[in-house]
Amino acid sequence: MAPTRMSRESLVPLLAAHVLQNGLADASLRPLAKAAGTSDRMLIYHFGTKDALVAALLEYLAGMFAAALDTAFPKDRSASRRACAQTVYAITEEPQFAPFFRVWWDIVAGCSDDNAAYLDAAGGMMDVLLAWVVDHLPADDPDPQAGARAVLTVIEGAQMLRAVGCGDIAEAGLAALEGRPA
């Protein structure tokens, strides 16, 4: 049997599995290559640069995250923007989402250091997530683009608060959006 030829398409899932398990902090070429069963030179051959590899990897992870949300999200559209934010917040508390958030906070940290690759990748990831939110808002939302931006802002803030151990503040904020006591 002939050995399997590696391609960008076959490498990215292997790299994504490694990053979800280990985070981006140790995403240098050698550990990534080892995880994919190849060499760092072959990664550069397939992706051109480490920045291009990271961009492809993060785009793939954004798609994985959106697919996981789709699987867990109720089939019907949300009743309101608030309901969308609350449902996403509740769903993403499930353990299968923890690796995605560890990677996301690595990306945010890289963005705060003006890492161009992370900034570009994060922008692309936000585009994927904004489109996902638009598709899950009420069908009669008066401005789905603005609504998606507002919902994503609320979700990101609530996720950050939960990540730093202040989930009670996030819960209270989400409850206040609904106009109910915390």
C-alpha atoms as a PDB file:
ATOM      1  CA  MET A   1       0.000   0.000   0.000  1.00  0.00           C
ATOM      2  CA  ALA A   2       1.353   3.405  -0.989  1.00  0.00           C
ATOM      3  CA  PRO A   3       1.978   5.952   1.777  1.00  0.00           C
ATOM      4  CA  THR A   4      -0.686   8.621   2.192  1.00  0.00           C
ATOM      5  CA  ARG A   5       0.265  11.914   0.557  1.00  0.00           C
ATOM      6  CA  MET A   6       0.043  14.832   2.851  1.00  0.00           C
ATOM      7  CA  SER A   7      -1.777  17.964   1.775  1.00  0.00           C
ATOM      8  CA  ARG A   8      -2.944  21.137   3.430  1.00  0.00           C
ATOM      9  CA  GLU A   9      -6.377  19.557   3.719  1.00  0.00           C
ATOM     10  CA  SER A  10      -5.071  16.441   5.459  1.00  0.00           C
ATOM     11  CA  LEU A  11      -2.677  18.334   7.725  1.00  0.00           C
ATOM     12  CA  VAL A  12      -5.032  20.976   9.103  1.00  0.00           C
ATOM     13  CA  PRO A  13      -7.273  18.563  11.092  1.00  0.00           C
ATOM     14  CA  LEU A  14      -4.190  16.988  12.683  1.00  0.00           C
ATOM     15  CA  LEU A  15      -2.798  20.411  13.574  1.00  0.00           C
ATOM     16  CA  ALA A  16      -6.185  21.504  14.928  1.00  0.00           C
ATOM     17  CA  ALA A  17      -6.378  18.466  17.210  1.00  0.00           C
ATOM     18  CA  HIS A  18      -2.932  19.300  18.584  1.00  0.00           C
ATOM     19  CA  VAL A  19      -3.796  22.967  19.146  1.00  0.00           C
ATOM     20  CA  LEU A  20      -7.115  22.148  20.816  1.00  0.00           C
ATOM     21  CA  GLN A  21      -5.255  19.873  23.214  1.00  0.00           C
ATOM     22  CA  ASN A  22      -2.195  22.071  23.819  1.00  0.00           C
ATOM     23  CA  GLY A  23      -3.216  25.633  22.957  1.00  0.00           C
ATOM     24  CA  LEU A  24      -1.423  28.082  20.705  1.00  0.00           C
ATOM     25  CA  ALA A  25       1.258  29.106  23.178  1.00  0.00           C
ATOM     26  CA  ASP A  26       3.406  26.157  22.068  1.00  0.00           C
ATOM     27  CA  ALA A  27       2.398  26.263  18.408  1.00  0.00           C
ATOM     28  CA  SER A  28       5.903  26.327  17.001  1.00  0.00           C
ATOM     29  CA  LEU A  29       6.633  24.395  13.838  1.00  0.00           C
ATOM     30  CA  ARG A  30       8.403  21.383  15.357  1.00  0.00           C
ATOM     31  CA  PRO A  31       5.644  20.371  17.821  1.00  0.00           C
ATOM     32  CA  LEU A  32       3.005  20.973  15.151  1.00  0.00           C
ATOM     33  CA  ALA A  33       4.939  18.890  12.629  1.00  0.00           C
ATOM     34  CA  LYS A  34       5.391  16.085  15.138  1.00  0.00           C
ATOM     35  CA  ALA A  35       1.665  16.087  15.895  1.00  0.00           C
ATOM     36  CA  ALA A  36       0.924  15.833  12.179  1.00  0.00           C
ATOM     37  CA  GLY A  37       3.524  13.120  11.570  1.00  0.00           C
ATOM     38  CA  THR A  38       5.636  15.237   9.266  1.00  0.00           C
ATOM     39  CA  SER A  39       8.540  17.677   9.366  1.00  0.00           C
ATOM     40  CA  ASP A  40       8.573  21.406   9.931  1.00  0.00           C
ATOM     41  CA  ARG A  41       9.992  21.808   6.414  1.00  0.00           C
ATOM     42  CA  MET A  42       6.982  19.979   4.975  1.00  0.00           C
ATOM     43  CA  LEU A  43       4.630  22.290   6.861  1.00  0.00           C
ATOM     44  CA  ILE A  44       6.369  25.281   5.271  1.00  0.00           C
ATOM     45  CA  TYR A  45       6.201  23.530   1.902  1.00  0.00           C
ATOM     46  CA  HIS A  46       2.430  23.101   2.228  1.00  0.00           C
ATOM     47  CA  PHE A  47       1.594  26.444   3.840  1.00  0.00           C
ATOM     48  CA  GLY A  48       4.375  28.777   2.684  1.00  0.00           C
ATOM     49  CA  THR A  49       4.918  30.485   6.041  1.00  0.00           C
ATOM     50  CA  LYS A  50       4.119  29.883   9.682  1.00  0.00           C
ATOM     51  CA  ASP A  51       1.680  32.813   9.546  1.00  0.00           C
ATOM     52  CA  ALA A  52      -0.167  31.175   6.637  1.00  0.00           C
ATOM     53  CA  LEU A  53      -0.258  27.894   8.554  1.00  0.00           C
ATOM     54  CA  VAL A  54      -1.698  29.646  11.624  1.00  0.00           C
ATOM     55  CA  ALA A  55      -4.264  31.445   9.468  1.00  0.00           C
ATOM     56  CA  ALA A  56      -5.407  28.173   7.839  1.00  0.00           C
ATOM     57  CA  LEU A  57      -5.501  26.459  11.211  1.00  0.00           C
ATOM     58  CA  LEU A  58      -7.547  29.191  12.873  1.00  0.00           C
ATOM     59  CA  GLU A  59      -9.963  29.362   9.952  1.00  0.00           C
ATOM     60  CA  TYR A  60     -10.477  25.613  10.316  1.00  0.00           C
ATOM     61  CA  LEU A  61     -10.985  25.934  14.081  1.00  0.00           C
ATOM     62  CA  ALA A  62     -13.573  28.693  13.538  1.00  0.00           C
ATOM     63  CA  GLY A  63     -15.470  26.357  11.225  1.00  0.00           C
ATOM     64  CA  MET A  64     -15.249  23.566  13.814  1.00  0.00           C
ATOM     65  CA  PHE A  65     -16.559  25.908  16.506  1.00  0.00           C
ATOM     66  CA  ALA A  66     -19.476  27.071  14.330  1.00  0.00           C
ATOM     67  CA  ALA A  67     -20.313  23.438  13.468  1.00  0.00           C
ATOM     68  CA  ALA A  68     -20.235  22.476  17.162  1.00  0.00           C
ATOM     69  CA  LEU A  69     -22.548  25.398  17.951  1.00  0.00           C
ATOM     70  CA  ASP A  70     -24.890  24.298  15.151  1.00  0.00           C
ATOM     71  CA  THR A  71     -25.033  20.792  16.579  1.00  0.00           C
ATOM     72  CA  ALA A  72     -25.814  22.021  20.099  1.00  0.00           C
ATOM     73  CA  PHE A  73     -28.072  24.973  19.211  1.00  0.00           C
ATOM     74  CA  PRO A  74     -31.833  24.440  18.994  1.00  0.00           C
ATOM     75  CA  LYS A  75     -32.978  23.902  15.416  1.00  0.00           C
ATOM     76  CA  ASP A  76     -35.331  26.893  15.425  1.00  0.00           C
ATOM     77  CA  ARG A  77     -34.082  30.464  15.242  1.00  0.00           C
ATOM     78  CA  SER A  78     -33.880  32.359  18.522  1.00  0.00           C
ATOM     79  CA  ALA A  79     -36.929  34.235  19.722  1.00  0.00           C
ATOM     80  CA  SER A  80     -34.844  37.357  20.339  1.00  0.00           C
ATOM     81  CA  ARG A  81     -31.291  38.687  20.296  1.00  0.00           C
ATOM     82  CA  ARG A  82     -31.161  38.194  24.055  1.00  0.00           C
ATOM     83  CA  ALA A  83     -32.327  34.605  23.778  1.00  0.00           C
ATOM     84  CA  CYS A  84     -29.625  33.957  21.180  1.00  0.00           C
ATOM     85  CA  ALA A  85     -26.912  35.348  23.477  1.00  0.00           C
ATOM     86  CA  GLN A  86     -28.188  33.409  26.487  1.00  0.00           C
ATOM     87  CA  THR A  87     -28.463  30.150  24.562  1.00  0.00           C
ATOM     88  CA  VAL A  88     -24.948  30.450  23.155  1.00  0.00           C
ATOM     89  CA  TYR A  89     -23.602  31.317  26.610  1.00  0.00           C
ATOM     90  CA  ALA A  90     -25.312  28.279  28.160  1.00  0.00           C
ATOM     91  CA  ILE A  91     -24.246  25.915  25.372  1.00  0.00           C
ATOM     92  CA  THR A  92     -20.620  27.018  25.436  1.00  0.00           C
ATOM     93  CA  GLU A  93     -20.367  26.198  29.120  1.00  0.00           C
ATOM     94  CA  GLU A  94     -20.383  22.522  28.123  1.00  0.00           C
ATOM     95  CA  PRO A  95     -16.975  20.807  28.460  1.00  0.00           C
ATOM     96  CA  GLN A  96     -16.543  20.157  24.719  1.00  0.00           C
ATOM     97  CA  PHE A  97     -16.214  23.908  24.159  1.00  0.00           C
ATOM     98  CA  ALA A  98     -13.422  24.451  26.724  1.00  0.00           C
ATOM     99  CA  PRO A  99     -10.588  23.694  24.246  1.00  0.00           C
ATOM    100  CA  PHE A 100     -11.944  26.275  21.805  1.00  0.00           C
ATOM    101  CA  PHE A 101     -11.951  28.957  24.474  1.00  0.00           C
ATOM    102  CA  ARG A 102      -8.420  28.125  25.602  1.00  0.00           C
ATOM    103  CA  VAL A 103      -7.320  28.680  21.997  1.00  0.00           C
ATOM    104  CA  TRP A 104      -9.455  31.825  21.701  1.00  0.00           C
ATOM    105  CA  TRP A 105      -7.811  33.409  24.749  1.00  0.00           C
ATOM    106  CA  ASP A 106      -4.384  32.555  23.264  1.00  0.00           C
ATOM    107  CA  ILE A 107      -5.477  34.393  20.115  1.00  0.00           C
ATOM    108  CA  VAL A 108      -6.738  37.372  22.106  1.00  0.00           C
ATOM    109  CA  ALA A 109      -3.412  37.542  23.947  1.00  0.00           C
ATOM    110  CA  GLY A 110      -1.564  37.475  20.617  1.00  0.00           C
ATOM    111  CA  CYS A 111      -3.819  40.228  19.286  1.00  0.00           C
ATOM    112  CA  SER A 112      -3.074  42.381  22.312  1.00  0.00           C
ATOM    113  CA  ASP A 113       0.607  42.111  21.337  1.00  0.00           C
ATOM    114  CA  ASP A 114      -0.250  43.299  17.785  1.00  0.00           C
ATOM    115  CA  ASN A 115       0.586  39.896  16.285  1.00  0.00           C
ATOM    116  CA  ALA A 116      -0.492  40.490  12.667  1.00  0.00           C
ATOM    117  CA  ALA A 117      -1.226  36.812  11.981  1.00  0.00           C
ATOM    118  CA  TYR A 118      -3.468  36.562  15.043  1.00  0.00           C
ATOM    119  CA  LEU A 119      -5.180  39.865  14.250  1.00  0.00           C
ATOM    120  CA  ASP A 120      -5.963  38.708  10.700  1.00  0.00           C
ATOM    121  CA  ALA A 121      -7.087  35.281  11.866  1.00  0.00           C
ATOM    122  CA  ALA A 122      -9.229  36.721  14.659  1.00  0.00           C
ATOM    123  CA  GLY A 123     -10.919  39.038  12.176  1.00  0.00           C
ATOM    124  CA  GLY A 124     -11.717  36.068   9.945  1.00  0.00           C
ATOM    125  CA  MET A 125     -13.003  34.084  12.901  1.00  0.00           C
ATOM    126  CA  MET A 126     -15.250  36.960  13.936  1.00  0.00           C
ATOM    127  CA  ASP A 127     -16.633  37.106  10.385  1.00  0.00           C
ATOM    128  CA  VAL A 128     -17.546  33.395  10.624  1.00  0.00           C
ATOM    129  CA  LEU A 129     -19.160  33.875  14.018  1.00  0.00           C
ATOM    130  CA  LEU A 130     -21.038  37.022  12.962  1.00  0.00           C
ATOM    131  CA  ALA A 131     -22.490  35.129   9.993  1.00  0.00           C
ATOM    132  CA  TRP A 132     -23.439  32.275  12.330  1.00  0.00           C
ATOM    133  CA  VAL A 133     -25.242  34.671  14.706  1.00  0.00           C
ATOM    134  CA  VAL A 134     -27.090  36.343  11.795  1.00  0.00           C
ATOM    135  CA  ASP A 135     -28.379  32.895  10.797  1.00  0.00           C
ATOM    136  CA  HIS A 136     -29.662  32.240  14.328  1.00  0.00           C
ATOM    137  CA  LEU A 137     -31.369  35.554  15.072  1.00  0.00           C
ATOM    138  CA  PRO A 138     -35.131  35.839  14.679  1.00  0.00           C
ATOM    139  CA  ALA A 139     -36.170  35.807  11.021  1.00  0.00           C
ATOM    140  CA  ASP A 140     -37.884  39.178  11.532  1.00  0.00           C
ATOM    141  CA  ASP A 141     -34.894  40.907  13.190  1.00  0.00           C
ATOM    142  CA  PRO A 142     -34.987  44.493  11.903  1.00  0.00           C
ATOM    143  CA  ASP A 143     -31.199  44.713  11.390  1.00  0.00           C
ATOM    144  CA  PRO A 144     -29.525  41.294  11.543  1.00  0.00           C
ATOM    145  CA  GLN A 145     -26.018  42.681  10.958  1.00  0.00           C
ATOM    146  CA  ALA A 146     -26.255  45.125  13.852  1.00  0.00           C
ATOM    147  CA  GLY A 147     -28.028  42.508  15.935  1.00  0.00           C
ATOM    148  CA  ALA A 148     -25.266  39.992  15.343  1.00  0.00           C
ATOM    149  CA  ARG A 149     -22.650  42.546  16.386  1.00  0.00           C
ATOM    150  CA  ALA A 150     -24.547  43.297  19.591  1.00  0.00           C
ATOM    151  CA  VAL A 151     -25.088  39.620  20.409  1.00  0.00           C
ATOM    152  CA  LEU A 152     -21.454  38.746  19.712  1.00  0.00           C
ATOM    153  CA  THR A 153     -20.300  41.618  21.940  1.00  0.00           C
ATOM    154  CA  VAL A 154     -22.486  40.377  24.793  1.00  0.00           C
ATOM    155  CA  ILE A 155     -21.354  36.773  24.310  1.00  0.00           C
ATOM    156  CA  GLU A 156     -17.665  37.727  24.225  1.00  0.00           C
ATOM    157  CA  GLY A 157     -17.981  39.840  27.359  1.00  0.00           C
ATOM    158  CA  ALA A 158     -19.861  37.111  29.209  1.00  0.00           C
ATOM    159  CA  GLN A 159     -17.318  34.486  28.107  1.00  0.00           C
ATOM    160  CA  MET A 160     -14.430  36.649  29.311  1.00  0.00           C
ATOM    161  CA  LEU A 161     -16.102  37.193  32.671  1.00  0.00           C
ATOM    162  CA  ARG A 162     -16.683  33.451  33.046  1.00  0.00           C
ATOM    163  CA  ALA A 163     -13.054  32.751  32.064  1.00  0.00           C
ATOM    164  CA  VAL A 164     -11.719  35.020  34.811  1.00  0.00           C
ATOM    165  CA  GLY A 165     -13.944  33.440  37.447  1.00  0.00           C
ATOM    166  CA  CYS A 166     -16.707  36.030  37.399  1.00  0.00           C
ATOM    167  CA  GLY A 167     -19.457  33.920  35.873  1.00  0.00           C
ATOM    168  CA  ASP A 168     -21.871  35.363  38.430  1.00  0.00           C
ATOM    169  CA  ILE A 169     -21.400  38.809  36.870  1.00  0.00           C
ATOM    170  CA  ALA A 170     -21.915  37.354  33.388  1.00  0.00           C
ATOM    171  CA  GLU A 171     -25.092  35.568  34.513  1.00  0.00           C
ATOM    172  CA  ALA A 172     -26.397  38.744  36.136  1.00  0.00           C
ATOM    173  CA  GLY A 173     -25.671  40.737  32.984  1.00  0.00           C
ATOM    174  CA  LEU A 174     -27.456  38.232  30.775  1.00  0.00           C
ATOM    175  CA  ALA A 175     -30.401  38.157  33.177  1.00  0.00           C
ATOM    176  CA  ALA A 176     -30.560  41.962  33.111  1.00  0.00           C
ATOM    177  CA  LEU A 177     -30.826  41.853  29.319  1.00  0.00           C
ATOM    178  CA  GLU A 178     -33.989  39.829  29.782  1.00  0.00           C
ATOM    179  CA  GLY A 179     -35.311  42.318  32.318  1.00  0.00           C
ATOM    180  CA  ARG A 180     -35.476  39.686  35.058  1.00  0.00           C
ATOM    181  CA  PRO A 181     -33.789  39.746  38.462  1.00  0.00           C
ATOM    182  CA  ALA A 182     -30.323  38.213  38.714  1.00  0.00           C
END
